[in-house]
Protein backbone atom coordinates (compact mmCIF):
# COMPACT_ATOMS: atom_id res chain seq x y z
CA UNK A 1 -12.80 1.20 98.35
CA UNK A 2 -13.00 4.80 99.27
CA UNK A 3 -13.69 7.07 96.62
CA UNK A 4 -13.45 10.75 96.59
CA UNK A 5 -16.10 12.27 94.30
CA UNK A 6 -15.43 15.98 93.26
CA UNK A 7 -18.20 18.27 91.64
CA UNK A 8 -20.79 15.94 93.70
CA UNK A 9 -23.41 18.37 92.80
CA UNK A 10 -22.85 18.25 89.09
CA UNK A 11 -24.40 16.45 86.21
CA UNK A 12 -21.85 13.68 85.84
CA UNK A 13 -21.35 13.15 89.52
CA UNK A 14 -24.97 12.82 90.48
CA UNK A 15 -25.26 9.90 87.96
CA UNK A 16 -22.09 8.25 88.97
CA UNK A 17 -22.72 8.46 92.70
CA UNK A 18 -25.59 5.84 92.85
CA UNK A 19 -23.72 3.64 90.71
CA UNK A 20 -20.59 3.76 93.04
CA UNK A 21 -22.98 2.90 95.90
CA UNK A 22 -24.60 0.09 94.34
CA UNK A 23 -21.07 -1.28 93.62
CA UNK A 24 -20.21 -1.28 97.31
CA UNK A 25 -17.99 1.68 97.53
CA UNK A 26 -17.80 4.28 100.25
CA UNK A 27 -17.99 7.72 98.60
CA UNK A 28 -16.77 11.10 100.08
CA UNK A 29 -18.50 13.84 98.01
CA UNK A 30 -16.88 17.23 97.74
CA UNK A 31 -19.28 20.09 97.89
CA UNK A 32 -18.79 23.84 98.09
CA UNK A 33 -21.98 24.17 100.06
CA UNK A 34 -23.28 21.34 102.16
CA UNK A 35 -26.70 22.69 102.10
CA UNK A 36 -27.04 22.11 98.38
CA UNK A 37 -26.72 18.30 98.89
CA UNK A 38 -29.20 15.99 100.34
CA UNK A 39 -27.97 12.83 101.69
CA UNK A 40 -31.54 11.74 102.60
CA UNK A 41 -32.25 10.43 98.95
CA UNK A 42 -29.32 8.00 99.08
CA UNK A 43 -30.29 6.70 102.63
CA UNK A 44 -26.84 4.99 102.55
CA UNK A 45 -24.18 4.91 105.26
CA UNK A 46 -21.40 4.81 102.98
CA UNK A 47 -21.84 8.27 101.63
CA UNK A 48 -20.58 11.39 103.32
CA UNK A 49 -19.94 14.99 102.56
CA UNK A 50 -16.57 17.09 102.59
CA UNK A 51 -17.04 20.98 102.24
CA UNK A 52 -14.35 22.10 99.77
CA UNK A 53 -13.88 24.73 97.59
CA UNK A 54 -10.88 23.99 95.42
CA UNK A 55 -10.13 27.66 94.76
CA UNK A 56 -9.30 27.82 98.59
CA UNK A 57 -6.29 25.69 99.32
CA UNK A 58 -7.10 25.64 103.14
CA UNK A 59 -10.55 23.94 102.55
CA UNK A 60 -8.83 21.13 100.99
CA UNK A 61 -7.88 19.85 104.23
CA UNK A 62 -11.33 18.62 104.75
CA UNK A 63 -10.50 15.73 102.26
CA UNK A 64 -9.55 12.74 104.21
CA UNK A 65 -6.20 11.06 103.78
CA UNK A 66 -7.55 7.41 103.69
CA UNK A 67 -8.97 7.50 100.13
CA UNK A 68 -8.08 4.86 97.41
CA UNK A 69 -8.98 6.75 94.34
CA UNK A 70 -10.62 10.10 93.15
CA UNK A 71 -12.80 11.34 90.38
CA UNK A 72 -12.06 14.72 88.94
CA UNK A 73 -15.35 16.27 87.54
CA UNK A 74 -14.62 19.87 87.98
CA UNK A 75 -15.11 22.54 85.25
CA UNK A 76 -15.84 26.21 85.15
CA UNK A 77 -16.88 26.76 81.39
CA UNK A 78 -20.32 28.31 82.45
CA UNK A 79 -18.95 30.95 84.94
CA UNK A 80 -20.13 34.57 84.25
CA UNK A 81 -17.21 36.50 86.00
CA UNK A 82 -13.56 35.87 85.79
CA UNK A 83 -11.55 33.68 83.34
CA UNK A 84 -12.50 30.05 83.63
CA UNK A 85 -9.09 28.91 82.36
CA UNK A 86 -7.32 30.66 85.43
CA UNK A 87 -9.99 29.15 87.85
CA UNK A 88 -9.57 25.57 86.25
CA UNK A 89 -5.71 26.13 86.62
CA UNK A 90 -6.12 27.01 90.44
CA UNK A 91 -8.66 24.09 91.20
CA UNK A 92 -6.39 21.37 89.48
CA UNK A 93 -3.12 22.37 91.23
CA UNK A 94 -4.84 22.59 94.49
CA UNK A 95 -6.44 19.42 93.91
CA UNK A 96 -3.20 17.66 92.91
CA UNK A 97 -1.37 19.03 95.75
CA UNK A 98 -3.79 17.57 98.35
CA UNK A 99 -4.21 14.27 96.77
CA UNK A 100 -0.66 13.84 96.67
CA UNK A 101 -0.73 14.02 100.57
CA UNK A 102 -3.38 11.40 100.66
CA UNK A 103 -3.16 7.49 100.13
CA UNK A 104 -5.00 7.73 96.61
CA UNK A 105 -3.37 5.65 94.02
CA UNK A 106 -5.53 6.81 91.14
CA UNK A 107 -7.38 9.90 89.81
CA UNK A 108 -10.06 9.53 86.93
CA UNK A 109 -10.41 12.75 85.02
CA UNK A 110 -13.32 13.42 82.54
CA UNK A 111 -12.04 15.67 79.91
CA UNK A 112 -12.91 16.72 76.44
CA UNK A 113 -11.76 15.18 73.16
CA UNK A 114 -8.68 17.01 71.84
CA UNK A 115 -7.73 16.16 68.19
CA UNK A 116 -6.98 19.45 66.40
CA UNK A 117 -4.07 21.91 66.83
CA UNK A 118 -6.39 25.07 66.84
CA UNK A 119 -8.52 24.59 70.05
CA UNK A 120 -11.12 26.54 71.72
CA UNK A 121 -10.28 28.19 75.18
CA UNK A 122 -12.56 25.32 76.60
CA UNK A 123 -10.46 22.46 75.07
CA UNK A 124 -7.25 24.29 75.79
CA UNK A 125 -7.94 24.61 79.46
CA UNK A 126 -9.10 20.95 79.65
CA UNK A 127 -5.88 20.00 78.04
CA UNK A 128 -3.86 22.27 80.45
CA UNK A 129 -5.76 20.52 83.71
CA UNK A 130 -4.69 17.11 82.11
CA UNK A 131 -0.93 18.10 82.09
CA UNK A 132 -1.37 19.53 85.99
CA UNK A 133 -2.96 16.41 87.00
CA UNK A 134 -0.37 14.21 85.09
CA UNK A 135 2.57 15.69 87.18
CA UNK A 136 1.15 14.14 90.35
CA UNK A 137 2.58 11.21 92.21
CA UNK A 138 -0.62 9.30 91.55
CA UNK A 139 -1.87 7.36 88.45
CA UNK A 140 -3.90 9.49 86.18
CA UNK A 141 -6.73 8.17 83.82
CA UNK A 142 -8.15 10.58 81.46
CA UNK A 143 -11.31 10.02 79.51
CA UNK A 144 -12.15 12.40 76.94
CA UNK A 145 -15.72 12.81 75.75
CA UNK A 146 -17.54 15.16 73.23
CA UNK A 147 -21.19 15.48 73.10
CA UNK A 148 -22.69 13.85 76.11
CA UNK A 149 -26.41 12.72 75.39
CA UNK A 150 -28.77 12.22 78.42
CA UNK A 151 -31.75 13.76 80.09
CA UNK A 152 -30.61 16.90 81.52
CA UNK A 153 -27.25 17.27 79.95
CA UNK A 154 -26.49 20.68 78.56
CA UNK A 155 -25.79 19.22 74.95
CA UNK A 156 -29.16 17.16 74.98
CA UNK A 157 -31.36 20.38 76.39
CA UNK A 158 -29.66 22.75 74.02
CA UNK A 159 -30.52 20.59 70.92
CA UNK A 160 -33.90 20.12 72.26
CA UNK A 161 -34.45 23.73 72.59
CA UNK A 162 -33.50 24.35 69.02
CA UNK A 163 -35.51 21.25 67.42
CA UNK A 164 -38.76 21.99 69.44
CA UNK A 165 -38.81 25.83 69.14
CA UNK A 166 -37.83 26.27 65.70
CA UNK A 167 -39.41 24.61 62.59
CA UNK A 168 -36.82 26.33 60.21
CA UNK A 169 -33.34 27.20 61.13
CA UNK A 170 -30.68 29.56 59.48
CA UNK A 171 -27.72 28.37 61.07
CA UNK A 172 -24.06 29.16 61.60
CA UNK A 173 -21.49 27.07 59.65
CA UNK A 174 -20.29 25.33 62.81
CA UNK A 175 -23.31 23.08 62.32
CA UNK A 176 -21.16 21.22 59.54
CA UNK A 177 -18.66 20.31 62.20
CA UNK A 178 -18.47 16.62 63.15
CA UNK A 179 -18.96 15.22 66.52
CA UNK A 180 -19.09 11.60 68.06
CA UNK A 181 -21.91 11.96 70.65
CA UNK A 182 -22.09 9.30 73.56
CA UNK A 183 -24.92 8.41 75.62
CA UNK A 184 -24.60 9.28 79.43
CA UNK A 185 -24.99 5.68 80.54
CA UNK A 186 -22.07 4.71 78.51
CA UNK A 187 -19.83 7.62 80.21
CA UNK A 188 -20.92 6.44 83.56
CA UNK A 189 -19.93 2.73 82.52
CA UNK A 190 -16.44 3.81 81.17
CA UNK A 191 -16.01 5.81 84.57
CA UNK A 192 -16.72 2.86 86.54
CA UNK A 193 -14.72 0.45 84.41
CA UNK A 194 -11.32 2.30 84.74
CA UNK A 195 -11.59 2.57 88.28
CA UNK A 196 -8.34 0.93 89.89
CA UNK A 197 -8.02 -0.80 86.53
CA UNK A 198 -4.09 -0.95 86.15
CA UNK A 199 -4.44 -1.38 82.40
CA UNK A 200 -5.90 2.48 82.55
CA UNK A 201 -3.10 4.07 84.81
CA UNK A 202 -1.34 6.71 83.49
CA UNK A 203 -3.29 6.33 79.98
CA UNK A 204 -5.54 8.86 78.17
CA UNK A 205 -8.57 7.64 76.05
CA UNK A 206 -11.20 9.18 73.81
CA UNK A 207 -14.65 7.81 74.54
CA UNK A 208 -17.61 8.23 72.13
CA UNK A 209 -20.47 6.37 70.62
CA UNK A 210 -21.01 4.19 67.46
CA UNK A 211 -22.09 7.43 65.38
CA UNK A 212 -19.99 10.32 63.84
CA UNK A 213 -22.41 13.02 62.93
CA UNK A 214 -22.37 16.57 62.12
CA UNK A 215 -24.15 19.07 64.45
CA UNK A 216 -26.82 19.40 61.63
CA UNK A 217 -27.39 15.80 61.33
CA UNK A 218 -27.82 15.53 65.16
CA UNK A 219 -30.39 18.25 65.32
CA UNK A 220 -32.42 16.42 62.24
CA UNK A 221 -32.10 12.82 63.92
CA UNK A 222 -33.44 14.56 67.15
CA UNK A 223 -36.27 15.81 65.20
CA UNK A 224 -37.00 12.37 63.53
CA UNK A 225 -37.17 10.93 67.04
CA UNK A 226 -39.65 13.47 68.13
CA UNK A 227 -41.82 13.14 64.78
CA UNK A 228 -41.12 16.75 63.77
CA UNK A 229 -40.48 18.02 60.42
CA UNK A 230 -37.24 20.64 60.45
CA UNK A 231 -35.45 22.68 57.67
CA UNK A 232 -31.95 23.72 58.37
CA UNK A 233 -30.03 25.83 56.28
CA UNK A 234 -26.36 26.68 56.83
CA UNK A 235 -24.92 30.15 56.17
CA UNK A 236 -21.48 31.23 56.42
CA UNK A 237 -22.23 34.89 57.48
CA UNK A 238 -22.76 34.28 61.16
CA UNK A 239 -20.03 35.42 63.24
CA UNK A 240 -19.17 33.60 66.55
CA UNK A 241 -20.57 36.61 68.43
CA UNK A 242 -23.74 36.27 66.58
CA UNK A 243 -23.89 32.63 66.80
CA UNK A 244 -23.50 32.89 70.71
CA UNK A 245 -26.40 35.33 70.76
CA UNK A 246 -28.48 33.04 68.68
CA UNK A 247 -27.74 30.25 70.82
CA UNK A 248 -28.46 32.32 73.96
CA UNK A 249 -31.68 33.75 72.94
CA UNK A 250 -33.15 30.50 71.72
CA UNK A 251 -31.98 28.11 74.41
CA UNK A 252 -31.83 28.11 78.02
CA UNK A 253 -28.10 28.50 78.23
CA UNK A 254 -26.31 31.57 79.59
CA UNK A 255 -24.44 33.71 77.25
CA UNK A 256 -21.15 32.86 78.92
CA UNK A 257 -21.70 29.23 78.34
CA UNK A 258 -23.27 30.00 74.77
CA UNK A 259 -19.93 31.76 73.96
CA UNK A 260 -17.70 28.66 75.01
CA UNK A 261 -20.03 26.36 73.50
CA UNK A 262 -19.89 27.88 70.06
CA UNK A 263 -16.14 28.21 70.17
CA UNK A 264 -15.79 24.56 70.98
CA UNK A 265 -18.28 23.49 68.30
CA UNK A 266 -16.16 24.98 65.59
CA UNK A 267 -13.68 22.27 66.49
CA UNK A 268 -14.10 18.51 65.55
CA UNK A 269 -14.48 16.24 68.57
CA UNK A 270 -14.35 12.66 66.86
CA UNK A 271 -12.36 9.73 68.76
CA UNK A 272 -9.00 8.84 67.87
CA UNK A 273 -8.01 5.14 67.74
CA UNK A 274 -7.21 4.00 71.24
CA UNK A 275 -6.93 0.74 73.17
CA UNK A 276 -9.80 1.06 75.83
CA UNK A 277 -12.10 -1.29 74.06
CA UNK A 278 -9.45 -4.02 74.44
CA UNK A 279 -10.03 -4.20 78.17
CA UNK A 280 -13.29 -2.46 78.73
CA UNK A 281 -16.40 -4.24 77.15
CA UNK A 282 -19.49 -2.16 77.04
CA UNK A 283 -22.30 -2.05 74.54
CA UNK A 284 -22.28 1.47 72.85
CA UNK A 285 -25.57 3.22 72.49
CA UNK A 286 -26.50 4.73 69.20
CA UNK A 287 -27.30 8.54 69.24
CA UNK A 288 -31.21 7.92 68.45
CA UNK A 289 -31.47 5.31 71.04
CA UNK A 290 -29.72 7.66 73.61
CA UNK A 291 -32.41 10.23 72.82
CA UNK A 292 -35.43 7.96 73.28
CA UNK A 293 -33.83 6.78 76.63
CA UNK A 294 -33.56 10.43 77.58
CA UNK A 295 -37.21 11.08 76.74
CA UNK A 296 -38.30 8.05 78.89
CA UNK A 297 -36.57 9.29 81.97
CA UNK A 298 -38.12 12.79 81.20
CA UNK A 299 -41.77 11.49 81.05
CA UNK A 300 -41.26 9.22 84.02
CA UNK A 301 -39.95 12.22 85.71
CA UNK A 302 -36.78 10.62 86.46
CA UNK A 303 -34.29 13.07 85.69
CA UNK A 304 -31.44 12.37 88.19
CA UNK A 305 -29.37 15.77 87.51
CA UNK A 306 -29.59 18.73 85.28
CA UNK A 307 -26.78 21.06 84.04
CA UNK A 308 -29.03 23.95 84.77
CA UNK A 309 -28.73 23.43 88.55
CA UNK A 310 -25.11 24.27 88.38
CA UNK A 311 -24.19 27.65 90.08
CA UNK A 312 -23.04 29.78 87.01
CA UNK A 313 -22.07 32.92 88.75
CA UNK A 314 -20.52 34.22 92.01
CA UNK A 315 -23.86 35.49 93.46
CA UNK A 316 -24.16 32.53 96.01
CA UNK A 317 -20.25 31.97 96.52
CA UNK A 318 -20.78 32.59 100.28
CA UNK A 319 -23.09 29.58 100.45
CA UNK A 320 -26.95 29.27 100.43
CA UNK A 321 -26.87 29.16 104.21
CA UNK A 322 -25.70 32.78 104.19
CA UNK A 323 -28.99 33.86 102.24
CA UNK A 324 -31.39 32.00 104.14
CA UNK A 325 -31.56 34.50 106.92
CA UNK A 326 -33.64 37.06 104.99
CA UNK A 327 -32.57 40.76 105.87
CA UNK A 328 -34.94 43.31 107.11
CA UNK A 329 -32.93 46.48 107.46
CA UNK A 330 -33.03 48.48 104.36
CA UNK A 331 -35.56 46.21 102.56
CA UNK A 332 -38.79 46.71 100.69
CA UNK A 333 -41.25 43.85 101.43
CA UNK A 334 -44.64 42.62 99.78
CA UNK A 335 -46.45 40.49 102.61
CA UNK A 336 -49.56 38.59 101.65
CA UNK A 337 -51.48 36.28 104.16
CA UNK A 338 -54.55 34.16 103.38
CA UNK A 339 -56.54 31.53 105.22
CA UNK A 340 -56.81 28.13 103.63
CA UNK A 341 -59.46 25.61 103.61
CA UNK A 342 -57.09 22.79 102.48
CA UNK A 343 -53.53 23.56 103.68
CA UNK A 344 -51.88 20.15 102.43
CA UNK A 345 -53.23 20.87 98.74
CA UNK A 346 -52.15 24.55 99.04
CA UNK A 347 -48.53 23.46 100.00
CA UNK A 348 -48.51 21.09 97.03
CA UNK A 349 -49.42 23.90 94.70
CA UNK A 350 -46.55 25.77 96.44
CA UNK A 351 -44.39 22.91 95.53
CA UNK A 352 -45.33 22.68 92.10
CA UNK A 353 -44.99 26.40 91.06
CA UNK A 354 -43.01 27.66 88.12
CA UNK A 355 -41.84 25.62 85.10
CA UNK A 356 -44.57 24.23 82.96
CA UNK A 357 -47.12 24.98 85.94
CA UNK A 358 -46.44 28.58 85.54
CA UNK A 359 -46.78 31.17 88.27
CA UNK A 360 -50.70 30.82 88.79
CA UNK A 361 -51.63 34.30 87.74
CA UNK A 362 -50.64 36.73 85.08
CA UNK A 363 -48.27 34.25 83.79
CA UNK A 364 -47.62 36.37 80.60
CA UNK A 365 -46.19 38.96 82.82
CA UNK A 366 -43.69 36.29 84.23
CA UNK A 367 -42.78 35.30 80.58
CA UNK A 368 -42.27 39.19 79.76
CA UNK A 369 -40.21 39.60 82.91
CA UNK A 370 -37.77 36.38 81.88
CA UNK A 371 -37.69 37.80 78.18
CA UNK A 372 -36.47 41.24 79.57
CA UNK A 373 -33.81 39.15 81.67
CA UNK A 374 -32.55 37.74 78.70
CA UNK A 375 -32.14 40.91 76.86
CA UNK A 376 -29.99 41.99 79.72
CA UNK A 377 -27.88 38.98 79.86
CA UNK A 378 -29.68 37.12 82.70
CA UNK A 379 -30.72 33.72 82.95
CA UNK A 380 -34.23 34.34 81.86
CA UNK A 381 -37.32 32.07 82.56
CA UNK A 382 -36.20 28.89 79.96
CA UNK A 383 -34.51 27.00 82.70
CA UNK A 384 -37.71 25.57 84.14
CA UNK A 385 -37.62 22.86 86.75
CA UNK A 386 -36.46 19.39 87.02
CA UNK A 387 -39.42 17.73 88.51
CA UNK A 388 -43.01 18.90 88.19
CA UNK A 389 -44.02 18.50 91.93
CA UNK A 390 -40.47 17.94 93.90
CA UNK A 391 -38.10 20.63 94.84
CA UNK A 392 -34.47 20.40 96.45
CA UNK A 393 -32.21 22.73 97.87
CA UNK A 394 -29.89 24.49 95.42
CA UNK A 395 -32.08 23.54 92.28
CA UNK A 396 -32.95 26.08 89.68
CA UNK A 397 -36.54 27.14 89.35
CA UNK A 398 -36.90 29.50 86.25
CA UNK A 399 -34.99 32.56 87.24
CA UNK A 400 -34.92 31.66 90.96
CA UNK A 401 -32.53 29.58 93.09
CA UNK A 402 -33.97 27.37 95.55
CA UNK A 403 -32.26 28.13 99.00
CA UNK A 404 -34.65 26.02 101.12
CA UNK A 405 -37.38 23.45 100.41
CA UNK A 406 -38.71 21.79 103.40
CA UNK A 407 -42.02 20.13 103.70
CA UNK A 408 -41.36 19.49 107.23
CA UNK A 409 -41.03 23.14 108.05
CA UNK A 410 -43.63 23.81 105.47
CA UNK A 411 -41.40 26.59 104.04
CA UNK A 412 -40.09 27.42 100.50
CA UNK A 413 -37.42 30.19 100.05
CA UNK A 414 -36.25 31.28 96.58
CA UNK A 415 -33.50 33.77 95.52
CA UNK A 416 -33.53 35.60 92.47
CA UNK A 417 -31.11 34.80 89.76
CA UNK A 418 -32.46 37.54 87.35
CA UNK A 419 -30.77 40.73 86.77
CA UNK A 420 -31.90 43.17 89.36
CA UNK A 421 -30.42 46.15 90.90
CA UNK A 422 -30.14 44.46 94.18
CA UNK A 423 -31.30 41.11 95.83
CA UNK A 424 -34.72 39.58 96.06
CA UNK A 425 -36.30 36.87 98.07
CA UNK A 426 -39.64 35.04 97.55
CA UNK A 427 -40.88 32.98 100.52
CA UNK A 428 -43.86 30.88 101.16
CA UNK A 429 -44.78 29.54 104.65
CA UNK A 430 -47.47 27.47 105.94
CA UNK A 431 -48.82 27.96 109.58
CA UNK A 432 -51.77 25.96 110.62
CA UNK A 433 -54.59 27.09 108.24
CA UNK A 434 -52.55 30.16 106.97
CA UNK A 435 -50.32 30.85 103.98
CA UNK A 436 -47.78 33.64 104.32
CA UNK A 437 -46.35 34.77 101.03
CA UNK A 438 -43.46 37.38 101.38
CA UNK A 439 -41.41 39.13 98.80
CA UNK A 440 -38.29 40.95 99.89
CA UNK A 441 -35.93 43.26 98.01
CA UNK A 442 -32.82 44.62 99.05
CA UNK A 443 -32.25 47.58 96.88
CA UNK A 444 -28.76 48.52 95.65
CA UNK A 445 -28.33 52.39 95.53
CA UNK A 446 -31.01 54.63 93.62
CA UNK A 447 -31.41 52.31 90.68
CA UNK A 448 -32.75 49.64 93.16
CA UNK A 449 -35.15 52.18 94.83
CA UNK A 450 -36.38 53.26 91.46
CA UNK A 451 -36.76 49.59 90.25
CA UNK A 452 -38.94 48.65 93.22
CA UNK A 453 -41.25 51.72 92.98
CA UNK A 454 -41.64 51.12 89.34
CA UNK A 455 -42.49 47.45 89.83
CA UNK A 456 -45.03 48.18 92.46
CA UNK A 457 -48.16 48.19 90.48
CA UNK A 458 -47.21 44.92 88.83
CA UNK A 459 -46.52 43.59 92.15
CA UNK A 460 -49.81 44.55 93.57
CA UNK A 461 -51.64 42.64 90.94
CA UNK A 462 -49.00 39.80 90.57
CA UNK A 463 -48.46 38.85 94.06
CA UNK A 464 -51.97 39.29 95.17
CA UNK A 465 -53.31 37.01 92.16
CA UNK A 466 -50.71 34.46 92.96
CA UNK A 467 -51.62 33.79 96.62
CA UNK A 468 -55.37 33.80 95.80
CA UNK A 469 -54.76 31.09 93.23
CA UNK A 470 -52.65 28.95 95.50
CA UNK A 471 -55.24 28.95 98.28
CA UNK A 472 -58.39 28.69 96.10
């Protein structure tokens, strides 16, 4: 079958795509920016790209008409600008209208469990999207999940941050809310099982794992798996705003996502009875087993996808390719050039920069910059990196975004997603036995120029020390 996969650079789609290909399907991946998606790692002629922005109705014409089914895996909960409810409504309507013009017989939509009258904005939006899609001429299958547990998932990484950083937690009362976590492997199995399954047509199903737990129990069970002793006290005095700040500063999530998560966590997400188990036979993975499996993937450096790689702002809406050509007019630059005795080893060190490896020189200053970024509502330094030695276009790297990572061109180009009064690039290029390290800053107004001049003393030591360590 020919399958349309939306949100192809997202966490779920990146897990689903290889499974669809293994099952012999032809997959068309919808991406906003082709430069963020690498076809090389799949080495499969049955996968292709369609550049589509679901907020731009005209771009949906890039979706081919001869598709048999489609997966709708789009959400905007982590956006930092605009109302994500409006964005999701526009996306869903545009998608529905275009799919009605194709040969698609089914759309599979992954949503959130909705079983309370008073819902968060996030769950209200998901319910609204389902209503829009269900009005289409195609058959809709909706799978509703709560907490998804897997290496790189937002839920897993946030719980991990809390448990591994805080031996004692004074927490808001929403930690007593019940949820039914499900392993990412089971989510993918369900998504595959309902594909073109007529018993699933025009049906909605809650999917969850075998355990119903409070968020407090999830934290304690996570700690037990990791061999950590943790104390948690739940207090009723934390307002949603305080809770959001608490989650934002302790974990690697953005404040926008933290706010939406806190509002969602106040709502119980437990599966209601449904008939999916009557025609879908899969073995549900317990919560603790899902955690162990996630850490196995992490330790083997096999994290396929991470929620941190999602673009959470409009900064790069014009596409990564738009920023690859570094401007020169009206910019400040710090250029360092060094000769190398071992170019290959230096290139490997460039590719391993950031994350747990640090930035090679005055790392405490990078940590301080990340902390200050958090204080001003930025992404901070906690996103880290997905793999210790490999990089790909579009991935997050601490408070940078990878614009270009080409070992063939021997070039790594990063774009700053930290809070700065302007735009910043950091580039590494290897030419023969020479390493070129170039920092570029395009200031915005007087504040941008003041920022650059105030940073100059730090740049002198940091950038000089960093390139010296790389070539050493």
